[in-house]
Amino acid sequence: MPKAKNYKEALQNPIFDILSDAAENLHLKCYVIGGFVRDFLLKRGSPKDIDVVAIGSGIALAYEVSRLLPKQPKVTVFKNYGTAMLKTKEWEVEFVGARKESYAQDSRNPAVEDGTMEDDQNRRDFTINALALSLNKENFGDLLDPFDGLQDLENKIIRTPLDPNITYSDDPLRMLRAIRFACQLLFFIEKKSLDAIIRNSNRIKIISNERVVDELNKILLSKKPSVGFQLLHQTGLLPYILPELIALEGIDEIDGQRHKDNFWHTLEVLDNIALATDDLWLRWAALLHDIGKAPTKRFDEKVGWTFHGHELVGSKMVFKLFKRLRLPLNEKMKFVQKLVYMSSRPIAISNEVSDSAVRRLVFDAGEEIESLMTLCEADITTKNTKKFKKYHQNFQIVRKKIVEVEERDHIRNFQPPISGEEIMEIFGLKPSREVGILKETIKEAILEGEIPNDYDAAKELMFKKGKELGLKVNL
C-alpha cells in the first residue's frame, strides 16, 4: 500500500468541494474521517456514509453545507450527541465537532467537551478508523495518520490508538466492533488488544442487546462468519451473548463411543451456508439449528449418543433467545423456528425418497422448502469424501423429486380441494369433529398419493368417508 501523504483522488465527488467551501465560509477546519477513508484505502468501493469532523460546531457546518447544496436537504440534529446529519440521494453525511470524551464505569455514554483534532482522533476505536483526510483549501486531501493506521491497514491489524484496556473498558461495544472488523476484513486483532478484550469481556454486560445484535448481524453477514464466532469464543464474550452455543462445545465419550463437537460443527455449517446465501435469517437458522442438542443429549447403551427431539426443543429455544436479545418476534423469528424444527427432515428422507415423504416435506415446509434444503446441504460437514459426495447426491435426488411432486400435485401452500364450509353445507353440519375428520381424510389421502389433488377425487372420497361416519347428504 503506497504511503502517499495526499489522497485528492478520494475526494473527487462534488460533495467534498461543497464541504470545503462551507468550512471556509465558517472559518472552520474540517476533515473526513473513519470508514470512508479506510474503505477507500482498502479499495472496498465508494462508501455512501461520510463522517465529517469540524474543529468547532459540526451542526453549524451541516446547515451551511445544506445551504450550498442545490435542493438544500433537511438537516437532522441530535442535540444529546452534538451531531447532525443530512442525506442526499448519493450520500449520508454525519457531522460532529472535534471533542474529548471521558467515561463513567457503568455507562458507555461519555461526558463530552470540545477538543482538538488530535483529541478527536485519540477517542477513535481503532487506528484504521482514525485515518482522516483534510477538506481544507490549503491542504485538501492530505492524510492525517497519527497512529500509523496506514501501516496497520497494510499489515491487516486491528489496534486501538491508545491503551486497549482503557479503550475497551470505556466503551465495551468496541470489543465487538474489533471482532466484527477482523471478521469482515479478515484482519488480525493485535495481541495487546486481544488480551484486553479477554480481560474486559464481562464489561459487555452494560451494552444494550440491540447494539450487540447489530454487531452480530454484521458478523453473520460477512463472507466467513466463523472467524467472528471463533473470536467471540476465544475472548470469552460468547457466554455473555449466546450461552446456547457454548453449551454445544465439547465431546463426551462413554464405552468408546463419542459424538461430534456440535459447536465447531455449527461454525462449519455457518460458513457453508454463507457460500450459498446472503439471507440474514437463513444464516441465523444455520447458527441455531443444533441448539437443542445440548439439553437433549443422552447416552443409550444400545445405540450410543442420542439427541431425540432436539429439533423441537431447539425451535422453542429460538423464541426465548430472540426475546432475550430483542431480535424481531415476527415472521423472521417464525422462519428461523420453522427451519430449526425441520432441519433434520430432508436428511431423514434422503436415503429412500418416496413420493409421499416428499409431498409431506413440501406440505410442511411450504414456501420455506428452498431455504430448508439449502440449510440441510450446508449441514453436511463430514470429512469422508465418499460420504460427502453420497449425501449431496441424495439431496439432488430429493430436490428433483420435489420439483416433480410439486408440478404434479401442487402441494406447496396446500389448500384442500373442498373447504370446511362446503362439507358443512353438503352434510348439513355445524363446526364439529366430523368436519375435521373429513378434511383430514382428504388431506392425508392426497399427501399419501391415494387420490390426486383435485376436486372430483376429493369429493368422491368425502362421500365415501361420510357414509362410514353415518352422515347423510343434506339435499
Protein backbone atom coordinates (compact mmCIF):
# COMPACT_ATOMS: atom_id res chain seq x y z
CA MET A 1 0.00 0.00 0.00
CA PRO A 2 1.57 3.32 -1.06
CA LYS A 3 2.34 5.69 1.77
CA ALA A 4 1.30 8.86 -0.04
CA LYS A 5 0.50 11.88 2.07
CA ASN A 6 -2.24 13.22 -0.17
CA TYR A 7 -5.32 11.43 -1.48
CA LYS A 8 -7.21 14.02 -3.52
CA GLU A 9 -8.39 11.20 -5.75
CA ALA A 10 -10.60 10.01 -2.88
CA LEU A 11 -12.39 13.37 -2.81
CA GLN A 12 -13.43 13.78 -6.43
CA ASN A 13 -17.16 13.86 -5.79
CA PRO A 14 -18.58 17.45 -5.72
CA ILE A 15 -19.88 16.91 -2.17
CA PHE A 16 -16.31 17.29 -0.87
CA ASP A 17 -15.83 20.63 -2.64
CA ILE A 18 -19.08 21.83 -1.07
CA LEU A 19 -17.88 20.65 2.36
CA SER A 20 -14.64 22.52 1.80
CA ASP A 21 -16.46 25.71 0.72
CA ALA A 22 -18.82 25.54 3.70
CA ALA A 23 -15.92 25.13 6.13
CA GLU A 24 -14.13 28.12 4.59
CA ASN A 25 -17.29 30.24 4.82
CA LEU A 26 -17.48 29.48 8.55
CA HIS A 27 -13.71 29.78 9.09
CA LEU A 28 -13.61 26.18 10.34
CA LYS A 29 -11.20 23.32 9.79
CA CYS A 30 -12.88 20.06 8.80
CA TYR A 31 -11.89 16.51 7.89
CA VAL A 32 -13.48 13.34 6.56
CA ILE A 33 -12.62 10.51 8.92
CA GLY A 34 -13.25 6.83 9.61
CA GLY A 35 -14.92 4.29 7.36
CA PHE A 36 -14.88 6.36 4.17
CA VAL A 37 -11.12 6.83 4.35
CA ARG A 38 -10.44 3.26 5.48
CA ASP A 39 -12.53 1.68 2.74
CA PHE A 40 -11.07 3.92 0.04
CA LEU A 41 -7.56 2.87 1.03
CA LEU A 42 -8.62 -0.77 1.08
CA LYS A 43 -10.21 -0.36 -2.36
CA ARG A 44 -13.54 -1.60 -0.99
CA GLY A 45 -15.58 0.67 -3.26
CA SER A 46 -17.00 4.08 -2.51
CA PRO A 47 -18.82 4.14 0.83
CA LYS A 48 -22.04 6.16 0.88
CA ASP A 49 -21.62 7.13 4.56
CA ILE A 50 -19.32 10.07 5.26
CA ASP A 51 -18.24 11.13 8.76
CA VAL A 52 -17.02 14.72 8.97
CA VAL A 53 -15.23 16.25 11.95
CA ALA A 54 -15.26 20.03 12.36
CA ILE A 55 -12.92 21.92 14.64
CA GLY A 56 -15.84 23.88 16.03
CA SER A 57 -19.57 23.35 15.51
CA GLY A 58 -20.40 20.34 13.38
CA ILE A 59 -24.07 21.35 13.49
CA ALA A 60 -23.32 24.80 12.06
CA LEU A 61 -21.25 23.16 9.31
CA ALA A 62 -24.16 20.85 8.43
CA TYR A 63 -26.53 23.80 7.99
CA GLU A 64 -24.01 25.64 5.81
CA VAL A 65 -23.48 22.55 3.62
CA SER A 66 -27.25 22.21 3.24
CA ARG A 67 -27.49 25.86 2.20
CA LEU A 68 -24.88 25.32 -0.52
CA LEU A 69 -26.46 22.16 -1.92
CA PRO A 70 -28.92 22.62 -4.84
CA LYS A 71 -32.02 21.23 -3.11
CA GLN A 72 -30.99 22.26 0.42
CA PRO A 73 -31.67 18.88 2.10
CA LYS A 74 -33.06 18.81 5.61
CA VAL A 75 -30.55 18.79 8.46
CA THR A 76 -31.36 16.39 11.30
CA VAL A 77 -29.82 17.46 14.61
CA PHE A 78 -29.11 15.12 17.52
CA LYS A 79 -28.71 17.59 20.37
CA ASN A 80 -27.82 15.00 23.00
CA TYR A 81 -24.81 13.92 20.95
CA GLY A 82 -23.93 17.28 19.43
CA THR A 83 -24.13 15.79 15.94
CA ALA A 84 -26.07 16.48 12.77
CA MET A 85 -26.88 14.54 9.62
CA LEU A 86 -28.02 15.31 6.12
CA LYS A 87 -28.94 12.92 3.35
CA THR A 88 -28.88 13.22 -0.41
CA LYS A 89 -29.63 10.53 -2.99
CA GLU A 90 -25.93 9.69 -3.10
CA TRP A 91 -24.67 10.39 0.39
CA GLU A 92 -25.42 10.28 4.09
CA VAL A 93 -23.14 12.77 5.83
CA GLU A 94 -22.77 12.92 9.60
CA PHE A 95 -21.20 15.99 11.21
CA VAL A 96 -19.61 16.24 14.63
CA GLY A 97 -17.45 18.80 16.35
CA ALA A 98 -13.99 17.61 17.44
CA ARG A 99 -14.23 16.53 21.05
CA LYS A 100 -12.71 14.87 24.07
CA GLU A 101 -14.53 12.12 25.94
CA SER A 102 -14.49 10.68 29.44
CA TYR A 103 -16.46 7.68 30.69
CA ALA A 104 -18.14 6.54 33.89
CA GLN A 105 -17.61 2.90 34.91
CA ASP A 106 -21.25 1.87 34.45
CA SER A 107 -22.00 3.53 31.13
CA ARG A 108 -20.72 3.66 27.56
CA ASN A 109 -22.18 7.16 27.12
CA PRO A 110 -19.27 9.58 27.55
CA ALA A 111 -19.08 13.02 29.06
CA VAL A 112 -18.10 15.23 26.14
CA GLU A 113 -16.24 18.52 25.79
CA ASP A 114 -14.86 20.43 22.83
CA GLY A 115 -11.42 19.35 21.71
CA THR A 116 -8.78 19.45 19.01
CA MET A 117 -8.43 17.19 16.00
CA GLU A 118 -5.81 15.28 17.98
CA ASP A 119 -8.31 14.78 20.81
CA ASP A 120 -10.88 13.52 18.34
CA GLN A 121 -8.52 11.01 16.75
CA ASN A 122 -7.46 9.83 20.22
CA ARG A 123 -11.07 8.87 21.03
CA ARG A 124 -11.46 6.70 17.90
CA ASP A 125 -11.82 2.96 18.38
CA PHE A 126 -9.07 1.70 16.05
CA THR A 127 -6.08 3.16 14.27
CA ILE A 128 -7.59 2.23 10.89
CA ASN A 129 -10.68 4.28 11.80
CA ALA A 130 -8.65 7.29 12.99
CA LEU A 131 -7.37 7.99 9.47
CA ALA A 132 -8.58 11.39 8.25
CA LEU A 133 -8.36 13.43 5.04
CA SER A 134 -8.27 17.21 5.15
CA LEU A 135 -11.12 19.08 3.45
CA ASN A 136 -9.43 22.45 3.94
CA LYS A 137 -8.42 24.52 0.91
CA GLU A 138 -4.75 24.81 1.82
CA ASN A 139 -4.12 21.06 2.20
CA PHE A 140 -7.15 19.41 0.57
CA GLY A 141 -6.72 15.62 0.56
CA ASP A 142 -3.77 15.48 2.98
CA LEU A 143 -3.78 12.39 5.20
CA LEU A 144 -3.71 12.73 8.99
CA ASP A 145 -2.39 9.46 10.40
CA PRO A 146 -1.10 10.00 13.96
CA PHE A 147 -1.22 6.29 14.93
CA ASP A 148 0.27 4.66 11.83
CA GLY A 149 -3.13 3.36 10.74
CA LEU A 150 -1.93 3.16 7.14
CA GLN A 151 0.71 0.63 8.20
CA ASP A 152 -1.94 -1.31 10.15
CA LEU A 153 -4.08 -1.46 7.01
CA GLU A 154 -1.11 -2.87 5.13
CA ASN A 155 -0.36 -5.41 7.87
CA LYS A 156 -4.06 -6.27 8.35
CA ILE A 157 -4.05 -5.42 12.04
CA ILE A 158 -6.82 -4.21 14.36
CA ARG A 159 -5.23 -1.99 17.02
CA THR A 160 -6.51 0.73 19.34
CA PRO A 161 -4.99 4.24 19.20
CA LEU A 162 -4.48 4.36 22.98
CA ASP A 163 -4.26 1.79 25.80
CA PRO A 164 -6.67 -1.01 24.74
CA ASN A 165 -7.68 -1.67 28.36
CA ILE A 166 -8.98 1.86 28.63
CA THR A 167 -10.49 1.84 25.14
CA TYR A 168 -12.49 -1.35 25.75
CA SER A 169 -13.41 -0.66 29.35
CA ASP A 170 -14.66 2.83 28.45
CA ASP A 171 -16.86 1.54 25.64
CA PRO A 172 -17.19 -2.28 25.68
CA LEU A 173 -19.06 -2.22 22.37
CA ARG A 174 -15.64 -1.65 20.80
CA MET A 175 -14.74 -5.24 21.70
CA LEU A 176 -17.50 -6.48 19.42
CA ARG A 177 -16.53 -3.95 16.77
CA ALA A 178 -12.93 -5.20 16.86
CA ILE A 179 -14.15 -8.73 16.25
CA ARG A 180 -16.59 -7.62 13.59
CA PHE A 181 -13.89 -5.71 11.66
CA ALA A 182 -11.49 -8.65 11.99
CA CYS A 183 -14.23 -10.87 10.54
CA GLN A 184 -15.34 -8.53 7.75
CA LEU A 185 -11.82 -7.53 6.66
CA LEU A 186 -10.10 -10.81 7.59
CA PHE A 187 -7.66 -8.81 9.76
CA PHE A 188 -5.87 -9.90 12.94
CA ILE A 189 -6.52 -8.33 16.33
CA GLU A 190 -3.20 -7.19 17.81
CA LYS A 191 -2.18 -9.34 20.83
CA LYS A 192 -2.35 -6.49 23.38
CA SER A 193 -5.79 -5.65 22.09
CA LEU A 194 -6.94 -9.29 22.13
CA ASP A 195 -5.67 -9.72 25.69
CA ALA A 196 -7.51 -6.56 26.72
CA ILE A 197 -10.76 -7.89 25.28
CA ILE A 198 -10.32 -11.10 27.28
CA ARG A 199 -9.68 -9.07 30.47
CA ASN A 200 -12.68 -6.82 29.89
CA SER A 201 -15.12 -9.37 28.46
CA ASN A 202 -17.53 -9.10 31.40
CA ARG A 203 -17.95 -5.39 30.63
CA ILE A 204 -20.09 -6.39 27.63
CA LYS A 205 -22.97 -6.75 30.10
CA ILE A 206 -23.51 -2.96 30.11
CA ILE A 207 -24.13 -2.91 26.34
CA SER A 208 -27.75 -2.99 25.17
CA ASN A 209 -28.92 -6.11 23.36
CA GLU A 210 -29.87 -4.00 20.35
CA ARG A 211 -26.25 -2.86 19.94
CA VAL A 212 -24.95 -6.39 20.43
CA VAL A 213 -27.34 -7.78 17.83
CA ASP A 214 -26.34 -5.08 15.34
CA GLU A 215 -22.73 -6.31 15.53
CA LEU A 216 -23.77 -9.98 15.48
CA ASN A 217 -25.78 -9.39 12.32
CA LYS A 218 -22.77 -7.80 10.63
CA ILE A 219 -20.62 -10.77 11.63
CA LEU A 220 -23.26 -13.18 10.33
CA LEU A 221 -23.39 -11.32 7.01
CA SER A 222 -19.63 -11.44 6.47
CA LYS A 223 -18.05 -13.80 3.94
CA LYS A 224 -16.70 -16.14 6.63
CA PRO A 225 -18.75 -15.64 9.80
CA SER A 226 -16.96 -18.42 11.71
CA VAL A 227 -13.96 -16.06 12.10
CA GLY A 228 -16.11 -13.74 14.21
CA PHE A 229 -17.63 -16.50 16.31
CA GLN A 230 -14.25 -18.12 16.93
CA LEU A 231 -13.02 -14.76 18.25
CA LEU A 232 -16.15 -14.32 20.38
CA HIS A 233 -15.39 -17.74 21.82
CA GLN A 234 -11.66 -17.11 22.27
CA THR A 235 -12.19 -13.79 24.06
CA GLY A 236 -14.85 -15.09 26.45
CA LEU A 237 -17.58 -12.83 25.06
CA LEU A 238 -19.76 -15.61 23.66
CA PRO A 239 -21.03 -16.95 27.02
CA TYR A 240 -22.48 -13.49 27.78
CA ILE A 241 -24.16 -13.23 24.38
CA LEU A 242 -25.10 -16.74 23.19
CA PRO A 243 -24.64 -19.27 26.02
CA GLU A 244 -26.77 -21.70 23.98
CA LEU A 245 -23.85 -22.06 21.56
CA ILE A 246 -21.24 -22.53 24.28
CA ALA A 247 -23.36 -25.38 25.69
CA LEU A 248 -22.77 -27.29 22.43
CA GLU A 249 -18.99 -27.35 22.85
CA GLY A 250 -17.11 -30.47 23.86
CA ILE A 251 -17.04 -34.19 23.10
CA ASP A 252 -18.17 -36.80 25.61
CA GLU A 253 -17.05 -40.43 25.44
CA ILE A 254 -18.65 -43.47 27.08
CA ASP A 255 -17.68 -47.07 26.30
CA GLY A 256 -15.54 -45.83 23.44
CA GLN A 257 -18.48 -44.06 21.79
CA ARG A 258 -18.14 -40.35 21.04
CA HIS A 259 -20.24 -37.68 19.38
CA LYS A 260 -19.06 -34.74 17.28
CA ASP A 261 -18.41 -31.33 18.82
CA ASN A 262 -21.61 -29.56 17.85
CA PHE A 263 -20.21 -26.06 18.49
CA TRP A 264 -17.45 -26.34 15.91
CA HIS A 265 -19.77 -28.25 13.59
CA THR A 266 -22.19 -25.31 13.80
CA LEU A 267 -19.48 -22.87 12.70
CA GLU A 268 -18.72 -25.09 9.69
CA VAL A 269 -22.41 -25.12 8.77
CA LEU A 270 -22.48 -21.32 9.12
CA ASP A 271 -19.57 -20.89 6.71
CA ASN A 272 -21.14 -23.38 4.30
CA ILE A 273 -24.41 -21.50 4.20
CA ALA A 274 -22.59 -18.19 3.79
CA LEU A 275 -21.32 -19.54 0.46
CA ALA A 276 -24.90 -20.19 -0.67
CA THR A 277 -26.95 -17.23 0.56
CA ASP A 278 -26.84 -13.66 1.89
CA ASP A 279 -30.15 -14.14 3.70
CA LEU A 280 -29.50 -12.97 7.28
CA TRP A 281 -32.30 -15.07 8.79
CA LEU A 282 -31.24 -18.21 6.98
CA ARG A 283 -27.78 -17.62 8.45
CA TRP A 284 -29.38 -17.24 11.91
CA ALA A 285 -31.12 -20.58 11.31
CA ALA A 286 -27.76 -22.18 10.49
CA LEU A 287 -26.25 -20.72 13.67
CA LEU A 288 -29.08 -22.04 15.84
CA HIS A 289 -30.04 -25.26 14.05
CA ASP A 290 -28.45 -27.53 16.67
CA ILE A 291 -29.01 -25.54 19.90
CA GLY A 292 -31.50 -28.16 21.09
CA LYS A 293 -28.79 -30.83 21.17
CA ALA A 294 -27.24 -29.73 24.48
CA PRO A 295 -30.41 -30.19 26.58
CA THR A 296 -31.43 -33.41 24.77
CA LYS A 297 -28.06 -35.23 24.80
CA ARG A 298 -28.36 -38.74 26.27
CA PHE A 299 -26.30 -41.95 26.18
CA ASP A 300 -28.06 -45.20 25.35
CA GLU A 301 -26.07 -48.41 25.80
CA LYS A 302 -27.64 -49.93 22.69
CA VAL A 303 -27.43 -47.04 20.24
CA GLY A 304 -24.85 -44.69 21.79
CA TRP A 305 -25.33 -40.93 21.92
CA THR A 306 -28.78 -39.61 21.07
CA PHE A 307 -30.38 -36.18 20.72
CA HIS A 308 -34.03 -37.18 20.46
CA GLY A 309 -36.38 -34.29 19.86
CA HIS A 310 -33.60 -31.70 19.62
CA GLU A 311 -35.32 -30.02 16.68
CA LEU A 312 -38.50 -29.32 18.67
CA VAL A 313 -36.56 -28.25 21.77
CA GLY A 314 -34.31 -26.05 19.63
CA SER A 315 -37.25 -24.34 17.92
CA LYS A 316 -38.70 -23.44 21.34
CA MET A 317 -35.30 -22.12 22.43
CA VAL A 318 -35.26 -19.84 19.37
CA PHE A 319 -38.20 -17.85 20.76
CA LYS A 320 -36.54 -17.39 24.17
CA LEU A 321 -33.24 -16.41 22.54
CA PHE A 322 -34.87 -13.91 20.18
CA LYS A 323 -36.84 -12.40 23.05
CA ARG A 324 -33.74 -12.08 25.25
CA LEU A 325 -31.65 -10.45 22.53
CA ARG A 326 -34.58 -8.30 21.36
CA LEU A 327 -34.49 -9.76 17.92
CA PRO A 328 -37.77 -9.39 15.98
CA LEU A 329 -40.55 -11.64 17.30
CA ASN A 330 -42.35 -11.65 13.96
CA GLU A 331 -42.24 -13.69 10.76
CA LYS A 332 -38.40 -13.57 10.86
CA MET A 333 -38.38 -15.42 14.18
CA LYS A 334 -41.04 -17.85 12.93
CA PHE A 335 -38.93 -18.53 9.84
CA VAL A 336 -35.88 -19.40 11.99
CA GLN A 337 -38.03 -21.51 14.32
CA LYS A 338 -39.50 -23.45 11.40
CA LEU A 339 -36.14 -24.18 9.85
CA VAL A 340 -34.65 -25.31 13.18
CA TYR A 341 -37.68 -27.53 13.76
CA MET A 342 -37.47 -29.09 10.29
CA SER A 343 -33.68 -29.15 9.99
CA SER A 344 -33.45 -32.97 10.01
CA ARG A 345 -36.44 -33.75 7.81
CA PRO A 346 -34.77 -33.84 4.36
CA ILE A 347 -31.89 -35.84 5.82
CA ALA A 348 -34.33 -38.43 7.18
CA ILE A 349 -35.91 -39.00 3.75
CA SER A 350 -32.79 -38.71 1.59
CA ASN A 351 -31.93 -42.42 1.64
CA GLU A 352 -35.35 -43.61 0.49
CA VAL A 353 -37.20 -40.93 -1.42
CA SER A 354 -40.87 -41.86 -1.71
CA ASP A 355 -43.42 -39.53 -3.28
CA SER A 356 -45.46 -39.42 -0.09
CA ALA A 357 -42.44 -38.42 2.03
CA VAL A 358 -41.59 -35.63 -0.41
CA ARG A 359 -45.22 -34.47 -0.51
CA ARG A 360 -45.25 -34.22 3.28
CA LEU A 361 -41.94 -32.39 3.28
CA VAL A 362 -43.21 -29.83 0.77
CA PHE A 363 -46.53 -29.56 2.60
CA ASP A 364 -44.87 -28.87 5.95
CA ALA A 365 -42.12 -26.59 4.61
CA GLY A 366 -44.34 -24.58 2.25
CA GLU A 367 -42.57 -21.51 0.87
CA GLU A 368 -39.51 -22.29 3.02
CA ILE A 369 -38.70 -25.53 1.18
CA GLU A 370 -35.78 -23.99 -0.78
CA SER A 371 -34.31 -22.40 2.37
CA LEU A 372 -34.68 -25.70 4.22
CA MET A 373 -32.85 -27.62 1.51
CA THR A 374 -30.08 -25.01 1.47
CA LEU A 375 -29.69 -25.35 5.26
CA CYS A 376 -29.62 -29.14 5.12
CA GLU A 377 -27.00 -29.17 2.38
CA ALA A 378 -24.87 -26.77 4.43
CA ASP A 379 -25.24 -29.19 7.35
CA ILE A 380 -23.08 -31.78 5.54
CA THR A 381 -19.68 -31.36 7.18
CA THR A 382 -18.30 -34.90 7.03
CA LYS A 383 -14.63 -35.13 6.10
CA ASN A 384 -15.21 -38.55 4.47
CA THR A 385 -15.11 -37.77 0.73
CA LYS A 386 -17.32 -40.70 -0.25
CA LYS A 387 -19.97 -39.88 2.34
CA PHE A 388 -19.85 -36.17 1.41
CA LYS A 389 -20.46 -36.99 -2.25
CA LYS A 390 -23.18 -39.51 -1.44
CA TYR A 391 -25.09 -37.12 0.84
CA HIS A 392 -25.03 -34.35 -1.77
CA GLN A 393 -26.16 -36.77 -4.48
CA ASN A 394 -29.04 -37.86 -2.24
CA PHE A 395 -30.09 -34.25 -1.76
CA GLN A 396 -30.04 -33.71 -5.52
CA ILE A 397 -32.44 -36.65 -5.83
CA VAL A 398 -34.69 -35.09 -3.17
CA ARG A 399 -34.58 -31.72 -4.98
CA LYS A 400 -35.52 -33.36 -8.29
CA LYS A 401 -38.36 -35.22 -6.60
CA ILE A 402 -39.64 -32.01 -5.02
CA VAL A 403 -39.92 -30.41 -8.47
CA GLU A 404 -41.72 -33.47 -9.89
CA VAL A 405 -44.18 -33.75 -6.99
CA GLU A 406 -44.89 -30.03 -6.93
CA GLU A 407 -45.57 -29.88 -10.68
CA ARG A 408 -47.93 -32.84 -10.44
CA ASP A 409 -49.63 -32.40 -7.06
CA HIS A 410 -49.34 -28.66 -6.24
CA ILE A 411 -48.67 -29.32 -2.56
CA ARG A 412 -46.79 -26.12 -1.71
CA ASN A 413 -49.14 -23.77 0.19
CA PHE A 414 -51.68 -26.60 0.03
CA GLN A 415 -55.36 -25.66 0.10
CA PRO A 416 -57.85 -28.52 0.39
CA PRO A 417 -59.92 -29.01 -2.78
CA ILE A 418 -63.07 -29.00 -0.64
CA SER A 419 -63.46 -26.37 2.08
CA GLY A 420 -64.90 -26.94 5.53
CA GLU A 421 -67.82 -24.66 4.63
CA GLU A 422 -68.75 -26.85 1.66
CA ILE A 423 -68.52 -30.03 3.77
CA MET A 424 -70.87 -28.49 6.34
CA GLU A 425 -73.31 -27.44 3.61
CA ILE A 426 -73.31 -30.87 1.88
CA PHE A 427 -73.93 -32.82 5.10
CA GLY A 428 -75.91 -30.19 6.96
CA LEU A 429 -73.31 -29.96 9.71
CA LYS A 430 -72.20 -27.25 12.09
CA PRO A 431 -68.49 -26.89 13.01
CA SER A 432 -67.78 -30.28 14.55
CA ARG A 433 -65.43 -33.22 14.94
CA GLU A 434 -66.90 -34.83 11.81
CA VAL A 435 -65.95 -31.87 9.64
CA GLY A 436 -62.36 -32.10 10.92
CA ILE A 437 -62.24 -35.86 10.20
CA LEU A 438 -63.41 -35.37 6.62
CA LYS A 439 -60.91 -32.58 5.95
CA GLU A 440 -58.07 -34.61 7.48
CA THR A 441 -59.04 -37.71 5.49
CA ILE A 442 -58.90 -35.77 2.22
CA LYS A 443 -55.58 -34.14 3.14
CA GLU A 444 -53.94 -37.43 4.18
CA ALA A 445 -55.16 -39.20 1.04
CA ILE A 446 -53.64 -36.51 -1.17
CA LEU A 447 -50.34 -36.50 0.74
CA GLU A 448 -50.14 -40.30 0.60
CA GLY A 449 -50.86 -40.28 -3.13
CA GLU A 450 -54.10 -42.26 -2.72
CA ILE A 451 -56.03 -39.61 -4.67
CA PRO A 452 -54.87 -36.73 -6.89
CA ASN A 453 -55.11 -33.18 -5.61
CA ASP A 454 -58.34 -32.30 -7.43
CA TYR A 455 -61.94 -31.53 -6.57
CA ASP A 456 -63.72 -34.55 -8.09
CA ALA A 457 -61.45 -37.15 -6.45
CA ALA A 458 -61.68 -35.35 -3.11
CA LYS A 459 -65.48 -35.16 -3.31
CA GLU A 460 -65.78 -38.88 -4.09
CA LEU A 461 -63.60 -39.72 -1.06
CA MET A 462 -65.61 -37.29 1.09
CA PHE A 463 -68.88 -39.07 0.28
CA LYS A 464 -67.30 -42.46 0.99
CA LYS A 465 -65.91 -41.33 4.36
CA GLY A 466 -69.12 -39.52 5.21
CA LYS A 467 -71.06 -42.75 4.70
CA GLU A 468 -68.65 -44.55 7.06
CA LEU A 469 -69.34 -41.88 9.65
CA GLY A 470 -73.07 -42.31 9.22
CA LEU A 471 -73.56 -38.85 7.75
CA LYS A 472 -76.43 -38.05 5.40
CA VAL A 473 -76.24 -35.70 2.46
CA ASN A 474 -78.26 -32.54 3.02
CA LEU A 475 -80.50 -32.43 -0.07
